[in-house]
Amino acid sequence: MSVTLKGTVGASAAALLASSATLVCCVLPAVMVSLGAGAVLVGLVSAVPQLIWLSEHKLLVFSVAGGMLVISGVMLRHASYLPCPTEPDAARACMRLRRVSGVLFWGAAVGYAIGAAFVWVVPVLMR
């Protein structure tokens, strides 16, 4: 296994973490208020005031998450051309890392898309 292939798992996990921030900043408050859980949201913001910062800096949060997705995608694309070892155990580990990286990347992409939809598409549709 090469260091590049192992790095794709880390990059994909970082992209997933950054995309999760988009869900926390934008989707969580909208869903909680829509469900009538505004008081719960106030309690959550009281307990974790950093949520306000995330909401105030949506463009930065989405820019960082988008950048992480691009970096992760480029690394995954590059790693897809790397050969796996011929030793059976190492080849299985190589394929497992590729699958894990792909699942993390696509999970991050879906989370990013959902967050973006709640920030930019849903408000336009609600007008």
N, C-alpha and C. Protein backbone atom coordinates (compact mmCIF):
# COMPACT_ATOMS: atom_id res chain seq x y z
N MET A 1 0.85 -1.18 0.00
CA MET A 1 0.00 0.00 0.00
C MET A 1 0.89 1.23 0.00
N SER A 2 0.52 2.17 -0.80
CA SER A 2 1.31 3.38 -0.86
C SER A 2 0.77 4.40 0.13
N VAL A 3 1.60 5.36 0.41
CA VAL A 3 1.19 6.42 1.32
C VAL A 3 0.06 7.23 0.70
N THR A 4 0.06 7.38 -0.61
CA THR A 4 -0.98 8.14 -1.28
C THR A 4 -2.34 7.49 -1.08
N LEU A 5 -2.41 6.17 -1.16
CA LEU A 5 -3.69 5.48 -0.98
C LEU A 5 -4.19 5.64 0.46
N LYS A 6 -3.28 5.57 1.42
CA LYS A 6 -3.69 5.78 2.82
C LYS A 6 -4.12 7.22 3.03
N GLY A 7 -3.48 8.14 2.34
CA GLY A 7 -3.82 9.55 2.47
C GLY A 7 -5.21 9.87 1.96
N THR A 8 -5.71 9.07 1.02
CA THR A 8 -7.05 9.33 0.50
C THR A 8 -8.11 9.09 1.57
N VAL A 9 -7.87 8.15 2.45
CA VAL A 9 -8.83 7.91 3.54
C VAL A 9 -8.86 9.13 4.46
N GLY A 10 -7.70 9.66 4.79
CA GLY A 10 -7.64 10.85 5.64
C GLY A 10 -8.28 12.06 4.98
N ALA A 11 -8.00 12.25 3.69
CA ALA A 11 -8.59 13.39 2.97
C ALA A 11 -10.11 13.24 2.87
N SER A 12 -10.57 12.03 2.63
CA SER A 12 -12.02 11.80 2.55
C SER A 12 -12.68 12.00 3.90
N ALA A 13 -12.02 11.57 4.96
CA ALA A 13 -12.57 11.78 6.31
C ALA A 13 -12.60 13.26 6.66
N ALA A 14 -11.58 14.01 6.25
CA ALA A 14 -11.57 15.46 6.49
C ALA A 14 -12.69 16.14 5.71
N ALA A 15 -12.92 15.69 4.48
CA ALA A 15 -14.01 16.24 3.67
C ALA A 15 -15.36 15.93 4.32
N LEU A 16 -15.50 14.73 4.87
CA LEU A 16 -16.74 14.38 5.55
C LEU A 16 -16.95 15.24 6.79
N LEU A 17 -15.90 15.49 7.53
CA LEU A 17 -16.00 16.35 8.71
C LEU A 17 -16.39 17.77 8.32
N ALA A 18 -15.76 18.29 7.28
CA ALA A 18 -16.09 19.64 6.82
C ALA A 18 -17.52 19.71 6.30
N SER A 19 -17.96 18.69 5.60
CA SER A 19 -19.33 18.66 5.09
C SER A 19 -20.34 18.54 6.23
N SER A 20 -19.94 17.87 7.28
CA SER A 20 -20.81 17.78 8.45
C SER A 20 -21.05 19.15 9.07
N ALA A 21 -20.05 20.02 8.98
CA ALA A 21 -20.21 21.38 9.50
C ALA A 21 -21.29 22.12 8.72
N THR A 22 -21.40 21.84 7.42
CA THR A 22 -22.46 22.49 6.63
C THR A 22 -23.83 22.02 7.09
N LEU A 23 -23.92 20.77 7.48
CA LEU A 23 -25.20 20.25 7.97
C LEU A 23 -25.55 20.86 9.32
N VAL A 24 -24.55 21.00 10.17
CA VAL A 24 -24.78 21.56 11.51
C VAL A 24 -25.14 23.03 11.42
N CYS A 25 -24.47 23.77 10.53
CA CYS A 25 -24.72 25.22 10.49
C CYS A 25 -26.04 25.56 9.84
N CYS A 26 -26.50 24.75 8.91
CA CYS A 26 -27.62 25.19 8.09
C CYS A 26 -28.83 24.26 8.13
N VAL A 27 -28.62 22.98 8.10
CA VAL A 27 -29.73 22.04 8.03
C VAL A 27 -30.34 21.82 9.42
N LEU A 28 -29.51 21.62 10.41
CA LEU A 28 -30.01 21.34 11.76
C LEU A 28 -30.95 22.43 12.27
N PRO A 29 -30.56 23.71 12.22
CA PRO A 29 -31.50 24.74 12.70
C PRO A 29 -32.80 24.79 11.90
N ALA A 30 -32.71 24.67 10.58
CA ALA A 30 -33.92 24.73 9.75
C ALA A 30 -34.86 23.58 10.05
N VAL A 31 -34.32 22.39 10.20
CA VAL A 31 -35.16 21.22 10.47
C VAL A 31 -35.78 21.32 11.86
N MET A 32 -35.00 21.75 12.84
CA MET A 32 -35.53 21.83 14.20
C MET A 32 -36.65 22.87 14.30
N VAL A 33 -36.47 24.01 13.66
CA VAL A 33 -37.52 25.04 13.69
C VAL A 33 -38.74 24.56 12.93
N SER A 34 -38.53 23.88 11.79
CA SER A 34 -39.66 23.35 11.00
C SER A 34 -40.47 22.33 11.78
N LEU A 35 -39.81 21.57 12.62
CA LEU A 35 -40.49 20.55 13.40
C LEU A 35 -41.07 21.10 14.70
N GLY A 36 -40.92 22.39 14.93
CA GLY A 36 -41.47 22.98 16.15
C GLY A 36 -40.58 22.80 17.35
N ALA A 37 -39.32 22.56 17.11
CA ALA A 37 -38.38 22.34 18.22
C ALA A 37 -37.48 23.55 18.41
N GLY A 38 -38.04 24.73 18.29
CA GLY A 38 -37.27 25.96 18.45
C GLY A 38 -36.66 26.08 19.83
N ALA A 39 -37.39 25.66 20.85
CA ALA A 39 -36.87 25.72 22.22
C ALA A 39 -35.67 24.79 22.39
N VAL A 40 -35.73 23.66 21.74
CA VAL A 40 -34.60 22.72 21.79
C VAL A 40 -33.39 23.35 21.11
N LEU A 41 -33.63 24.03 20.00
CA LEU A 41 -32.55 24.70 19.28
C LEU A 41 -31.92 25.78 20.15
N VAL A 42 -32.74 26.55 20.86
CA VAL A 42 -32.22 27.58 21.75
C VAL A 42 -31.36 26.94 22.84
N GLY A 43 -31.81 25.83 23.39
CA GLY A 43 -31.03 25.13 24.40
C GLY A 43 -29.72 24.61 23.84
N LEU A 44 -29.77 24.11 22.62
CA LEU A 44 -28.55 23.60 21.97
C LEU A 44 -27.56 24.72 21.72
N VAL A 45 -28.06 25.86 21.26
CA VAL A 45 -27.19 27.01 21.01
C VAL A 45 -26.62 27.55 22.32
N SER A 46 -27.39 27.47 23.39
CA SER A 46 -26.88 27.89 24.70
C SER A 46 -25.76 26.98 25.17
N ALA A 47 -25.91 25.71 24.90
CA ALA A 47 -24.89 24.74 25.31
C ALA A 47 -23.66 24.77 24.41
N VAL A 48 -23.87 25.03 23.11
CA VAL A 48 -22.78 25.04 22.14
C VAL A 48 -22.87 26.34 21.33
N PRO A 49 -22.36 27.44 21.88
CA PRO A 49 -22.49 28.73 21.20
C PRO A 49 -21.72 28.82 19.88
N GLN A 50 -20.81 27.89 19.62
CA GLN A 50 -20.06 27.89 18.36
C GLN A 50 -20.97 27.68 17.16
N LEU A 51 -22.15 27.14 17.39
CA LEU A 51 -23.11 26.94 16.29
C LEU A 51 -23.50 28.27 15.66
N ILE A 52 -23.53 29.32 16.46
CA ILE A 52 -23.87 30.65 15.93
C ILE A 52 -22.78 31.11 14.98
N TRP A 53 -21.51 30.88 15.35
CA TRP A 53 -20.40 31.28 14.48
C TRP A 53 -20.49 30.55 13.14
N LEU A 54 -20.79 29.26 13.18
CA LEU A 54 -20.92 28.51 11.93
C LEU A 54 -22.02 29.09 11.05
N SER A 55 -23.13 29.44 11.66
CA SER A 55 -24.25 29.99 10.89
C SER A 55 -23.92 31.37 10.33
N GLU A 56 -23.18 32.16 11.08
CA GLU A 56 -22.82 33.50 10.62
C GLU A 56 -21.79 33.48 9.49
N HIS A 57 -21.00 32.42 9.42
CA HIS A 57 -19.93 32.32 8.43
C HIS A 57 -20.19 31.18 7.45
N LYS A 58 -21.40 31.11 6.91
CA LYS A 58 -21.80 30.03 6.00
C LYS A 58 -20.90 29.96 4.78
N LEU A 59 -20.57 31.10 4.20
CA LEU A 59 -19.75 31.10 2.98
C LEU A 59 -18.38 30.50 3.25
N LEU A 60 -17.77 30.83 4.38
CA LEU A 60 -16.48 30.26 4.74
C LEU A 60 -16.60 28.76 4.97
N VAL A 61 -17.64 28.35 5.69
CA VAL A 61 -17.85 26.93 5.97
C VAL A 61 -18.01 26.15 4.66
N PHE A 62 -18.83 26.68 3.75
CA PHE A 62 -19.04 25.98 2.48
C PHE A 62 -17.80 26.02 1.60
N SER A 63 -17.04 27.10 1.66
CA SER A 63 -15.81 27.18 0.87
C SER A 63 -14.78 26.15 1.34
N VAL A 64 -14.60 26.06 2.64
CA VAL A 64 -13.65 25.08 3.19
C VAL A 64 -14.10 23.66 2.86
N ALA A 65 -15.39 23.38 3.05
CA ALA A 65 -15.90 22.04 2.77
C ALA A 65 -15.77 21.72 1.28
N GLY A 66 -16.08 22.68 0.42
CA GLY A 66 -15.94 22.47 -1.01
C GLY A 66 -14.50 22.24 -1.40
N GLY A 67 -13.59 23.01 -0.81
CA GLY A 67 -12.16 22.80 -1.07
C GLY A 67 -11.70 21.42 -0.64
N MET A 68 -12.16 20.98 0.52
CA MET A 68 -11.79 19.65 0.99
C MET A 68 -12.35 18.56 0.07
N LEU A 69 -13.55 18.77 -0.44
CA LEU A 69 -14.13 17.81 -1.38
C LEU A 69 -13.32 17.75 -2.66
N VAL A 70 -12.89 18.89 -3.16
CA VAL A 70 -12.09 18.92 -4.39
C VAL A 70 -10.75 18.22 -4.17
N ILE A 71 -10.08 18.54 -3.06
CA ILE A 71 -8.79 17.89 -2.76
C ILE A 71 -8.97 16.39 -2.63
N SER A 72 -9.99 15.98 -1.90
CA SER A 72 -10.25 14.55 -1.72
C SER A 72 -10.56 13.87 -3.05
N GLY A 73 -11.36 14.52 -3.89
CA GLY A 73 -11.69 13.96 -5.19
C GLY A 73 -10.47 13.80 -6.08
N VAL A 74 -9.59 14.80 -6.07
CA VAL A 74 -8.36 14.72 -6.87
C VAL A 74 -7.47 13.59 -6.36
N MET A 75 -7.36 13.48 -5.04
CA MET A 75 -6.54 12.40 -4.48
C MET A 75 -7.13 11.03 -4.80
N LEU A 76 -8.46 10.91 -4.72
CA LEU A 76 -9.09 9.63 -5.05
C LEU A 76 -8.86 9.28 -6.52
N ARG A 77 -8.98 10.28 -7.38
CA ARG A 77 -8.78 10.05 -8.81
C ARG A 77 -7.35 9.60 -9.08
N HIS A 78 -6.40 10.27 -8.44
CA HIS A 78 -4.99 9.90 -8.62
C HIS A 78 -4.73 8.49 -8.09
N ALA A 79 -5.29 8.18 -6.92
CA ALA A 79 -5.06 6.87 -6.30
C ALA A 79 -5.72 5.75 -7.10
N SER A 80 -6.77 6.07 -7.86
CA SER A 80 -7.44 5.02 -8.63
C SER A 80 -6.55 4.45 -9.72
N TYR A 81 -5.54 5.21 -10.12
CA TYR A 81 -4.60 4.73 -11.15
C TYR A 81 -3.41 3.99 -10.56
N LEU A 82 -3.28 4.00 -9.24
CA LEU A 82 -2.17 3.30 -8.61
C LEU A 82 -2.47 1.81 -8.56
N PRO A 83 -1.46 0.97 -8.82
CA PRO A 83 -1.70 -0.46 -8.75
C PRO A 83 -1.74 -0.95 -7.30
N CYS A 84 -2.52 -1.98 -7.06
CA CYS A 84 -2.53 -2.63 -5.76
C CYS A 84 -1.44 -3.69 -5.76
N PRO A 85 -0.90 -4.03 -4.60
CA PRO A 85 0.13 -5.06 -4.53
C PRO A 85 -0.40 -6.43 -5.01
N THR A 86 0.52 -7.30 -5.35
CA THR A 86 0.12 -8.64 -5.83
C THR A 86 -0.07 -9.62 -4.68
N GLU A 87 0.49 -9.33 -3.53
CA GLU A 87 0.31 -10.20 -2.37
C GLU A 87 -1.16 -10.16 -1.96
N PRO A 88 -1.82 -11.30 -1.77
CA PRO A 88 -3.26 -11.34 -1.52
C PRO A 88 -3.73 -10.48 -0.34
N ASP A 89 -3.04 -10.55 0.80
CA ASP A 89 -3.48 -9.76 1.96
C ASP A 89 -3.34 -8.27 1.71
N ALA A 90 -2.24 -7.89 1.11
CA ALA A 90 -2.01 -6.48 0.81
C ALA A 90 -3.00 -5.99 -0.26
N ALA A 91 -3.33 -6.84 -1.21
CA ALA A 91 -4.29 -6.46 -2.25
C ALA A 91 -5.68 -6.25 -1.66
N ARG A 92 -6.07 -7.12 -0.72
CA ARG A 92 -7.36 -6.95 -0.06
C ARG A 92 -7.40 -5.65 0.75
N ALA A 93 -6.31 -5.38 1.45
CA ALA A 93 -6.24 -4.14 2.23
C ALA A 93 -6.29 -2.92 1.30
N CYS A 94 -5.64 -3.01 0.17
CA CYS A 94 -5.65 -1.92 -0.81
C CYS A 94 -7.07 -1.67 -1.33
N MET A 95 -7.77 -2.71 -1.68
CA MET A 95 -9.13 -2.56 -2.19
C MET A 95 -10.07 -2.06 -1.10
N ARG A 96 -9.85 -2.50 0.13
CA ARG A 96 -10.67 -2.04 1.25
C ARG A 96 -10.46 -0.53 1.47
N LEU A 97 -9.21 -0.07 1.40
CA LEU A 97 -8.94 1.36 1.55
C LEU A 97 -9.60 2.16 0.43
N ARG A 98 -9.60 1.64 -0.76
CA ARG A 98 -10.25 2.33 -1.88
C ARG A 98 -11.76 2.43 -1.65
N ARG A 99 -12.36 1.35 -1.18
CA ARG A 99 -13.81 1.38 -0.90
C ARG A 99 -14.14 2.35 0.22
N VAL A 100 -13.37 2.30 1.31
CA VAL A 100 -13.61 3.18 2.44
C VAL A 100 -13.47 4.63 2.02
N SER A 101 -12.43 4.93 1.25
CA SER A 101 -12.23 6.29 0.77
C SER A 101 -13.39 6.75 -0.09
N GLY A 102 -13.85 5.88 -0.96
CA GLY A 102 -14.98 6.22 -1.83
C GLY A 102 -16.25 6.47 -1.05
N VAL A 103 -16.52 5.62 -0.08
CA VAL A 103 -17.74 5.78 0.74
C VAL A 103 -17.67 7.09 1.53
N LEU A 104 -16.52 7.37 2.13
CA LEU A 104 -16.38 8.62 2.87
C LEU A 104 -16.55 9.83 1.96
N PHE A 105 -15.94 9.77 0.77
CA PHE A 105 -16.02 10.89 -0.18
C PHE A 105 -17.46 11.13 -0.61
N TRP A 106 -18.15 10.07 -1.01
CA TRP A 106 -19.53 10.25 -1.49
C TRP A 106 -20.47 10.64 -0.36
N GLY A 107 -20.21 10.17 0.85
CA GLY A 107 -20.99 10.62 2.00
C GLY A 107 -20.80 12.12 2.24
N ALA A 108 -19.56 12.57 2.10
CA ALA A 108 -19.27 14.00 2.24
C ALA A 108 -19.95 14.80 1.14
N ALA A 109 -19.92 14.29 -0.08
CA ALA A 109 -20.55 15.00 -1.20
C ALA A 109 -22.06 15.12 -1.01
N VAL A 110 -22.68 14.07 -0.53
CA VAL A 110 -24.13 14.10 -0.28
C VAL A 110 -24.45 15.09 0.84
N GLY A 111 -23.68 15.06 1.92
CA GLY A 111 -23.88 16.01 3.01
C GLY A 111 -23.71 17.44 2.55
N TYR A 112 -22.72 17.69 1.72
CA TYR A 112 -22.48 19.03 1.18
C TYR A 112 -23.65 19.47 0.32
N ALA A 113 -24.14 18.57 -0.51
CA ALA A 113 -25.27 18.91 -1.39
C ALA A 113 -26.54 19.21 -0.59
N ILE A 114 -26.78 18.44 0.46
CA ILE A 114 -27.96 18.69 1.30
C ILE A 114 -27.83 20.04 2.00
N GLY A 115 -26.64 20.33 2.54
CA GLY A 115 -26.42 21.61 3.18
C GLY A 115 -26.59 22.77 2.21
N ALA A 116 -26.05 22.63 1.01
CA ALA A 116 -26.17 23.68 -0.01
C ALA A 116 -27.63 23.88 -0.41
N ALA A 117 -28.36 22.80 -0.51
CA ALA A 117 -29.77 22.91 -0.87
C ALA A 117 -30.53 23.69 0.19
N PHE A 118 -30.25 23.45 1.46
CA PHE A 118 -30.94 24.16 2.53
C PHE A 118 -30.55 25.63 2.61
N VAL A 119 -29.33 25.96 2.18
CA VAL A 119 -28.89 27.34 2.25
C VAL A 119 -29.34 28.16 1.06
N TRP A 120 -29.24 27.57 -0.15
CA TRP A 120 -29.48 28.38 -1.34
C TRP A 120 -30.73 28.00 -2.13
N VAL A 121 -31.17 26.76 -2.11
CA VAL A 121 -32.31 26.36 -2.93
C VAL A 121 -33.63 26.52 -2.16
N VAL A 122 -33.70 26.00 -0.97
CA VAL A 122 -34.94 26.04 -0.20
C VAL A 122 -35.41 27.47 0.06
N PRO A 123 -34.54 28.42 0.43
CA PRO A 123 -35.04 29.79 0.61
C PRO A 123 -35.64 30.40 -0.66
N VAL A 124 -35.10 30.06 -1.80
CA VAL A 124 -35.67 30.58 -3.06
C VAL A 124 -37.02 29.95 -3.32
N LEU A 125 -37.17 28.67 -3.04
CA LEU A 125 -38.44 27.99 -3.24
C LEU A 125 -39.51 28.45 -2.27
N MET A 126 -39.12 28.92 -1.10
CA MET A 126 -40.07 29.34 -0.07
C MET A 126 -40.64 30.74 -0.32
N ARG A 127 -40.09 31.46 -1.28
CA ARG A 127 -40.57 32.83 -1.56
C ARG A 127 -41.91 32.83 -2.20
